[in-house]
């Protein structure tokens, strides 16, 4: 299982100060022409992520290179996509080892990237780098964020609040059951948000996967998927009052008797929004926390699917000026909707795939 933000224009537009959507003629490539960001056109690039800071989009992804996998970052500035350092530079700790599933955030012109990478003994470690303005440097040295460097850690996500990076990931415990952890950088070192090693799992005896994080006004919010013993559920916690607490209790599932996967989160003006896919075929849902409860954004149970008979997967969400935007893939196409005028509608005004 894997939740990653999908790279497409919907996430770019939510970070830019652009004219009203109704003024747009359609989806356009950022550079104005069809252009891919691969370092090498004959290699496979996967699992991209995006952040926009001060009108500059930053994109990270992993790309194969012969017998290894490398993490890259580009930014769009001066009318072109180019490597952040100005020259081709990967972020891997060791070039010959596999690095994958990067996630990115940016603050005040500085991009931060987290990813997982094999150690010499092929155990996935979590690392974080930021760009100093000259080159990519580790946040607090080339240290792994793993709770136990002998246990696999996977699928990190990152958020930055006023220059403080927060990272969440999943990692095996001693019983090889995936736990969700969160650390932040104090300015001197990486520490668990709770001050000590603490899993966010509802039940530490059940597997938890694919965490995503957002930070609002210094409060981190994390969503993930976890088994309740029979079906996978979507949960959300925030760190408040010195503890990790559920945001209004239990599962967000529409039906706790069916599987849910791939949650994503955004927080706007203190209101968290979560999207995920659930059921079979997978339906895409969006809820926000208002009035002390999780409610569907439209006020009633509503799937965003183009076709309820097809599966919608791997959603991503962003909120701009109170308007949530969601993108996902369905039937081999990428789609985007926003909630406006009391309805979920396609951003371009028609059921148009972005492929």
Protein backbone atom coordinates (compact mmCIF):
# COMPACT_ATOMS: atom_id res chain seq x y z
CA UNK A 1 0.00 0.00 0.00
CA UNK A 2 1.21 3.43 -0.80
CA UNK A 3 -0.15 6.96 -0.67
CA UNK A 4 1.73 9.57 -2.60
CA UNK A 5 0.71 12.91 -3.89
CA UNK A 6 0.17 12.89 -7.61
CA UNK A 7 2.18 15.42 -9.57
CA UNK A 8 -0.21 17.41 -11.67
CA UNK A 9 -1.22 21.00 -12.12
CA UNK A 10 -3.92 20.93 -9.45
CA UNK A 11 -1.29 21.07 -6.72
CA UNK A 12 0.60 23.78 -8.52
CA UNK A 13 -2.36 26.07 -8.84
CA UNK A 14 -3.35 25.83 -5.21
CA UNK A 15 -0.07 27.43 -4.22
CA UNK A 16 0.00 30.23 -6.78
CA UNK A 17 -1.85 33.51 -6.75
CA UNK A 18 -3.64 33.03 -10.05
CA UNK A 19 -6.80 34.45 -11.60
CA UNK A 20 -10.15 32.88 -10.86
CA UNK A 21 -10.56 29.37 -12.22
CA UNK A 22 -13.43 30.48 -14.42
CA UNK A 23 -10.96 32.60 -16.37
CA UNK A 24 -8.90 29.62 -17.41
CA UNK A 25 -9.20 28.02 -20.79
CA UNK A 26 -7.96 24.60 -19.68
CA UNK A 27 -5.06 22.66 -18.21
CA UNK A 28 -1.64 23.78 -19.39
CA UNK A 29 1.92 22.60 -18.88
CA UNK A 30 3.73 24.81 -16.40
CA UNK A 31 6.44 25.65 -18.92
CA UNK A 32 3.88 26.23 -21.67
CA UNK A 33 4.98 23.20 -23.68
CA UNK A 34 4.79 19.44 -23.18
CA UNK A 35 7.86 18.72 -21.09
CA UNK A 36 8.82 15.92 -18.75
CA UNK A 37 11.19 16.41 -15.85
CA UNK A 38 13.17 13.18 -16.14
CA UNK A 39 16.92 13.52 -15.86
CA UNK A 40 17.22 10.76 -18.46
CA UNK A 41 14.44 10.12 -20.92
CA UNK A 42 15.17 6.40 -21.17
CA UNK A 43 14.87 5.78 -17.41
CA UNK A 44 11.77 5.17 -15.28
CA UNK A 45 10.64 8.00 -12.97
CA UNK A 46 8.08 7.32 -10.23
CA UNK A 47 6.45 8.64 -7.04
CA UNK A 48 6.69 12.37 -7.54
CA UNK A 49 5.73 14.95 -4.95
CA UNK A 50 5.34 18.72 -5.13
CA UNK A 51 5.50 21.83 -2.98
CA UNK A 52 4.95 25.47 -3.91
CA UNK A 53 6.61 28.27 -1.97
CA UNK A 54 6.47 31.96 -2.86
CA UNK A 55 5.13 31.10 -6.33
CA UNK A 56 7.96 28.65 -7.03
CA UNK A 57 7.04 24.98 -7.56
CA UNK A 58 9.51 22.32 -6.42
CA UNK A 59 9.13 18.72 -7.61
CA UNK A 60 10.89 15.60 -6.35
CA UNK A 61 10.79 12.04 -7.65
CA UNK A 62 12.85 8.88 -7.80
CA UNK A 63 14.37 7.71 -11.05
CA UNK A 64 16.21 4.55 -12.03
CA UNK A 65 19.83 4.70 -13.07
CA UNK A 66 21.07 1.35 -14.24
CA UNK A 67 21.14 -0.85 -11.14
CA UNK A 68 20.16 1.79 -8.62
CA UNK A 69 17.43 4.37 -7.88
CA UNK A 70 18.17 8.06 -7.23
CA UNK A 71 16.16 10.96 -5.79
CA UNK A 72 16.09 14.26 -7.70
CA UNK A 73 14.56 17.71 -7.22
CA UNK A 74 13.78 20.40 -9.78
CA UNK A 75 12.24 23.85 -9.52
CA UNK A 76 10.52 26.02 -12.08
CA UNK A 77 12.07 29.46 -12.24
CA UNK A 78 13.25 31.82 -14.91
CA UNK A 79 10.93 30.17 -17.40
CA UNK A 80 12.49 26.71 -17.11
CA UNK A 81 12.60 23.54 -15.05
CA UNK A 82 16.08 22.99 -13.66
CA UNK A 83 17.87 21.24 -10.81
CA UNK A 84 17.66 23.24 -7.59
CA UNK A 85 21.45 23.36 -7.30
CA UNK A 86 21.76 24.41 -10.92
CA UNK A 87 23.54 21.18 -11.80
CA UNK A 88 22.42 17.56 -11.87
CA UNK A 89 22.54 16.45 -8.26
CA UNK A 90 20.84 13.51 -6.58
CA UNK A 91 20.05 13.41 -2.87
CA UNK A 92 21.09 9.81 -2.14
CA UNK A 93 23.33 9.27 0.85
CA UNK A 94 25.11 6.56 -1.13
CA UNK A 95 24.85 6.66 -4.93
CA UNK A 96 24.90 2.88 -5.35
CA UNK A 97 21.97 2.25 -2.97
CA UNK A 98 18.24 2.41 -3.63
CA UNK A 99 16.53 5.64 -2.60
CA UNK A 100 12.80 5.96 -3.17
CA UNK A 101 9.41 7.46 -2.24
CA UNK A 102 10.55 11.05 -1.68
CA UNK A 103 8.28 13.74 -0.21
CA UNK A 104 8.86 17.49 -0.28
CA UNK A 105 7.90 20.65 1.59
CA UNK A 106 9.22 24.20 1.31
CA UNK A 107 9.44 27.26 3.54
CA UNK A 108 10.77 30.74 2.80
CA UNK A 109 12.40 29.57 -0.42
CA UNK A 110 14.03 26.50 1.15
CA UNK A 111 12.94 23.04 -0.02
CA UNK A 112 13.13 20.08 2.38
CA UNK A 113 13.01 16.48 1.13
CA UNK A 114 12.60 13.19 2.97
CA UNK A 115 12.96 9.71 1.48
CA UNK A 116 13.75 6.10 2.29
CA UNK A 117 17.07 4.56 1.33
CA UNK A 118 18.72 1.18 1.74
CA UNK A 119 21.53 0.88 4.24
CA UNK A 120 24.55 -1.28 3.46
CA UNK A 121 22.56 -4.18 4.94
CA UNK A 122 19.50 -3.32 2.78
CA UNK A 123 17.42 -1.98 5.67
CA UNK A 124 15.41 1.08 4.67
CA UNK A 125 16.39 4.25 6.54
CA UNK A 126 14.61 7.62 6.58
CA UNK A 127 16.69 10.70 5.71
CA UNK A 128 16.03 14.42 5.34
CA UNK A 129 17.92 17.06 3.38
CA UNK A 130 17.35 20.74 2.71
CA UNK A 131 18.89 23.09 0.17
CA UNK A 132 21.20 25.67 1.71
CA UNK A 133 21.07 27.93 -1.34
CA UNK A 134 24.28 26.35 -2.57
CA UNK A 135 23.85 22.59 -2.20
CA UNK A 136 21.80 19.84 -0.58
CA UNK A 137 22.71 19.24 3.05
CA UNK A 138 21.41 16.86 5.70
CA UNK A 139 19.24 18.35 8.39
CA UNK A 140 21.36 17.59 11.45
CA UNK A 141 23.92 15.39 9.73
CA UNK A 142 23.66 12.15 7.80
CA UNK A 143 21.60 10.46 10.49
CA UNK A 144 18.67 8.12 10.00
CA UNK A 145 15.38 9.06 11.63
CA UNK A 146 14.58 5.38 12.25
CA UNK A 147 13.58 4.43 15.76
CA UNK A 148 15.64 1.29 15.21
CA UNK A 149 18.11 1.30 12.32
CA UNK A 150 17.85 -2.49 12.18
CA UNK A 151 14.15 -2.26 11.26
CA UNK A 152 12.67 -1.25 7.92
CA UNK A 153 11.21 2.26 7.76
CA UNK A 154 9.13 3.30 4.77
CA UNK A 155 6.90 5.85 3.09
CA UNK A 156 7.82 9.12 4.80
CA UNK A 157 5.97 12.40 4.47
CA UNK A 158 7.09 15.89 5.48
CA UNK A 159 5.69 19.28 6.45
CA UNK A 160 7.52 22.45 7.46
CA UNK A 161 6.19 25.07 9.87
CA UNK A 162 8.12 28.35 10.23
CA UNK A 163 11.33 26.57 9.32
CA UNK A 164 10.76 23.51 11.51
CA UNK A 165 10.49 20.25 9.57
CA UNK A 166 8.16 17.49 10.77
CA UNK A 167 8.46 13.96 9.34
CA UNK A 168 6.18 10.96 9.68
CA UNK A 169 6.79 7.40 8.48
CA UNK A 170 5.95 3.76 9.10
CA UNK A 171 8.45 1.39 10.73
CA UNK A 172 8.53 -2.18 11.97
CA UNK A 173 8.62 -2.66 15.72
CA UNK A 174 10.31 -5.66 17.38
CA UNK A 175 7.32 -7.81 16.40
CA UNK A 176 7.59 -6.69 12.72
CA UNK A 177 4.32 -4.79 12.95
CA UNK A 178 4.31 -1.39 11.22
CA UNK A 179 4.01 1.58 13.57
CA UNK A 180 3.49 5.26 12.72
CA UNK A 181 6.06 7.69 14.13
CA UNK A 182 6.59 11.46 13.96
CA UNK A 183 9.73 13.48 14.60
CA UNK A 184 10.58 17.15 14.27
CA UNK A 185 13.88 18.99 14.19
CA UNK A 186 14.42 21.21 17.20
CA UNK A 187 17.27 23.13 15.61
CA UNK A 188 19.78 20.86 17.24
CA UNK A 189 18.55 17.33 16.62
CA UNK A 190 15.61 15.13 15.64
CA UNK A 191 13.18 14.36 18.45
CA UNK A 192 9.85 12.60 18.71
CA UNK A 193 7.07 15.18 18.87
CA UNK A 194 5.81 13.61 22.08
CA UNK A 195 9.28 13.83 23.64
CA UNK A 196 9.75 10.07 23.77
CA UNK A 197 9.29 7.14 21.39
CA UNK A 198 5.56 6.93 20.78
CA UNK A 199 3.62 5.08 18.11
CA UNK A 200 0.47 6.75 16.80
CA UNK A 201 -1.14 3.36 16.12
CA UNK A 202 -4.60 2.85 17.52
CA UNK A 203 -3.49 -0.72 18.24
CA UNK A 204 0.26 -1.39 18.26
CA UNK A 205 -0.51 -5.01 17.45
CA UNK A 206 -2.02 -4.06 14.08
CA UNK A 207 -0.24 -2.87 10.93
CA UNK A 208 -0.43 0.82 10.06
CA UNK A 209 0.57 2.24 6.68
CA UNK A 210 1.07 5.31 4.54
CA UNK A 211 1.03 8.28 6.93
CA UNK A 212 0.58 11.84 5.69
CA UNK A 213 1.21 15.01 7.69
CA UNK A 214 0.16 18.65 7.78
CA UNK A 215 1.05 21.32 10.34
CA UNK A 216 -1.13 24.28 11.21
CA UNK A 217 -0.13 26.98 13.70
CA UNK A 218 2.44 24.64 15.23
CA UNK A 219 0.02 21.71 15.58
CA UNK A 220 0.88 18.60 13.54
CA UNK A 221 -1.96 16.50 12.11
CA UNK A 222 -1.33 12.97 10.83
CA UNK A 223 -3.58 10.61 8.90
CA UNK A 224 -2.87 6.95 8.11
CA UNK A 225 -4.52 3.63 7.36
CA UNK A 226 -4.57 0.86 9.98
CA UNK A 227 -6.17 -2.54 10.30
CA UNK A 228 -8.80 -3.01 12.99
CA UNK A 229 -8.26 -6.76 12.71
CA UNK A 230 -10.61 -7.28 9.78
CA UNK A 231 -10.64 -4.11 7.65
CA UNK A 232 -8.36 -1.13 7.06
CA UNK A 233 -9.56 2.11 8.61
CA UNK A 234 -8.61 5.79 8.16
CA UNK A 235 -7.53 7.59 11.32
CA UNK A 236 -6.43 11.13 12.16
CA UNK A 237 -4.54 12.37 15.20
CA UNK A 238 -3.10 15.73 16.20
CA UNK A 239 -0.58 16.61 18.86
CA UNK A 240 -2.25 18.85 21.40
CA UNK A 241 -2.15 19.29 25.16
CA UNK A 242 1.05 17.27 25.36
CA UNK A 243 -0.42 14.17 23.72
CA UNK A 244 -1.35 12.64 20.40
CA UNK A 245 -5.13 12.65 20.35
CA UNK A 246 -7.74 11.49 17.87
CA UNK A 247 -9.46 14.29 16.04
CA UNK A 248 -12.98 13.35 17.14
CA UNK A 249 -12.64 9.71 17.96
CA UNK A 250 -12.37 6.77 15.62
CA UNK A 251 -12.37 5.78 11.99
CA UNK A 252 -13.33 8.13 9.15
CA UNK A 253 -14.54 5.24 7.00
CA UNK A 254 -17.93 5.60 5.41
CA UNK A 255 -18.38 1.92 6.26
CA UNK A 256 -16.03 0.39 8.84
CA UNK A 257 -16.85 -3.00 7.37
CA UNK A 258 -14.95 -2.28 4.18
CA UNK A 259 -11.33 -1.50 3.39
CA UNK A 260 -10.07 2.07 3.07
CA UNK A 261 -6.67 3.11 1.67
CA UNK A 262 -4.42 6.01 0.68
CA UNK A 263 -5.46 8.93 2.85
CA UNK A 264 -4.14 12.46 2.38
CA UNK A 265 -4.56 15.56 4.54
CA UNK A 266 -4.55 19.35 4.33
CA UNK A 267 -5.36 21.90 7.03
CA UNK A 268 -6.80 25.32 6.25
CA UNK A 269 -7.42 27.94 8.93
CA UNK A 270 -7.51 25.24 11.59
CA UNK A 271 -9.88 22.96 9.68
CA UNK A 272 -8.44 19.59 8.62
CA UNK A 273 -9.60 18.02 5.33
CA UNK A 274 -8.96 14.35 4.60
CA UNK A 275 -9.47 12.36 1.40
CA UNK A 276 -9.16 8.61 0.82
CA UNK A 277 -10.49 5.76 -1.31
CA UNK A 278 -12.74 3.06 0.11
CA UNK A 279 -14.72 -0.02 -0.87
CA UNK A 280 -14.79 -1.98 -4.09
CA UNK A 281 -14.70 -0.57 -6.65
CA UNK A 282 -12.81 2.13 -4.74
CA UNK A 283 -14.85 5.26 -4.13
CA UNK A 284 -13.19 8.58 -3.38
CA UNK A 285 -14.43 10.54 -0.35
CA UNK A 286 -13.56 13.85 1.35
CA UNK A 287 -14.36 14.88 4.90
CA UNK A 288 -13.53 17.92 7.02
CA UNK A 289 -13.65 18.36 10.75
CA UNK A 290 -16.23 20.98 11.70
CA UNK A 291 -18.58 21.46 14.62
CA UNK A 292 -16.88 18.74 16.63
CA UNK A 293 -17.40 16.05 13.99
CA UNK A 294 -16.04 14.70 10.72
CA UNK A 295 -18.51 15.62 7.99
CA UNK A 296 -18.53 15.10 4.25
CA UNK A 297 -17.61 18.38 2.60
CA UNK A 298 -20.82 18.37 0.57
CA UNK A 299 -22.91 17.62 3.66
CA UNK A 300 -23.85 14.11 2.59
CA UNK A 301 -22.08 10.89 1.61
CA UNK A 302 -20.76 11.64 -1.85
CA UNK A 303 -18.19 9.87 -3.99
CA UNK A 304 -16.05 12.01 -6.28
CA UNK A 305 -15.60 9.18 -8.77
CA UNK A 306 -16.16 9.91 -12.43
CA UNK A 307 -17.85 6.53 -12.64
CA UNK A 308 -18.96 4.71 -9.50
CA UNK A 309 -18.30 1.44 -11.32
CA UNK A 310 -14.58 2.16 -11.67
CA UNK A 311 -11.91 2.42 -8.97
CA UNK A 312 -10.54 5.79 -7.87
CA UNK A 313 -7.10 5.59 -6.27
CA UNK A 314 -4.27 7.51 -4.58
CA UNK A 315 -5.92 10.89 -4.00
CA UNK A 316 -4.12 14.10 -3.10
CA UNK A 317 -5.63 17.20 -1.53
CA UNK A 318 -4.84 20.88 -1.12
CA UNK A 319 -6.94 23.77 0.16
CA UNK A 320 -6.60 27.34 -1.09
CA UNK A 321 -8.60 30.25 0.29
CA UNK A 322 -11.12 27.83 1.77
CA UNK A 323 -11.62 25.83 -1.43
CA UNK A 324 -10.53 22.17 -1.35
CA UNK A 325 -9.03 20.67 -4.51
CA UNK A 326 -8.66 16.92 -4.94
CA UNK A 327 -6.83 14.98 -7.61
CA UNK A 328 -6.73 11.21 -8.18
CA UNK A 329 -6.42 8.60 -10.87
CA UNK A 330 -9.26 6.57 -12.24
CA UNK A 331 -9.49 4.35 -15.33
CA UNK A 332 -5.92 5.29 -16.31
CA UNK A 333 -6.60 9.04 -16.20
CA UNK A 334 -5.81 11.83 -13.76
CA UNK A 335 -8.78 13.95 -12.68
CA UNK A 336 -9.24 17.01 -10.51
CA UNK A 337 -12.27 18.45 -8.75
CA UNK A 338 -12.85 21.34 -6.40
CA UNK A 339 -15.75 22.12 -4.09
CA UNK A 340 -17.39 25.34 -5.18
CA UNK A 341 -20.90 26.69 -5.38
CA UNK A 342 -22.16 23.93 -3.11
CA UNK A 343 -20.96 21.10 -5.36
CA UNK A 344 -17.93 19.07 -6.33
CA UNK A 345 -17.16 20.03 -9.91
CA UNK A 346 -14.34 19.46 -12.35
CA UNK A 347 -11.77 22.23 -12.18
CA UNK A 348 -11.82 22.69 -15.94
CA UNK A 349 -15.63 22.61 -16.04
CA UNK A 350 -15.85 19.23 -17.77
CA UNK A 351 -14.86 15.63 -17.06
CA UNK A 352 -11.44 16.15 -18.53
CA UNK A 353 -8.53 13.88 -17.76
CA UNK A 354 -5.21 15.67 -17.30
CA UNK A 355 -3.18 12.94 -19.05
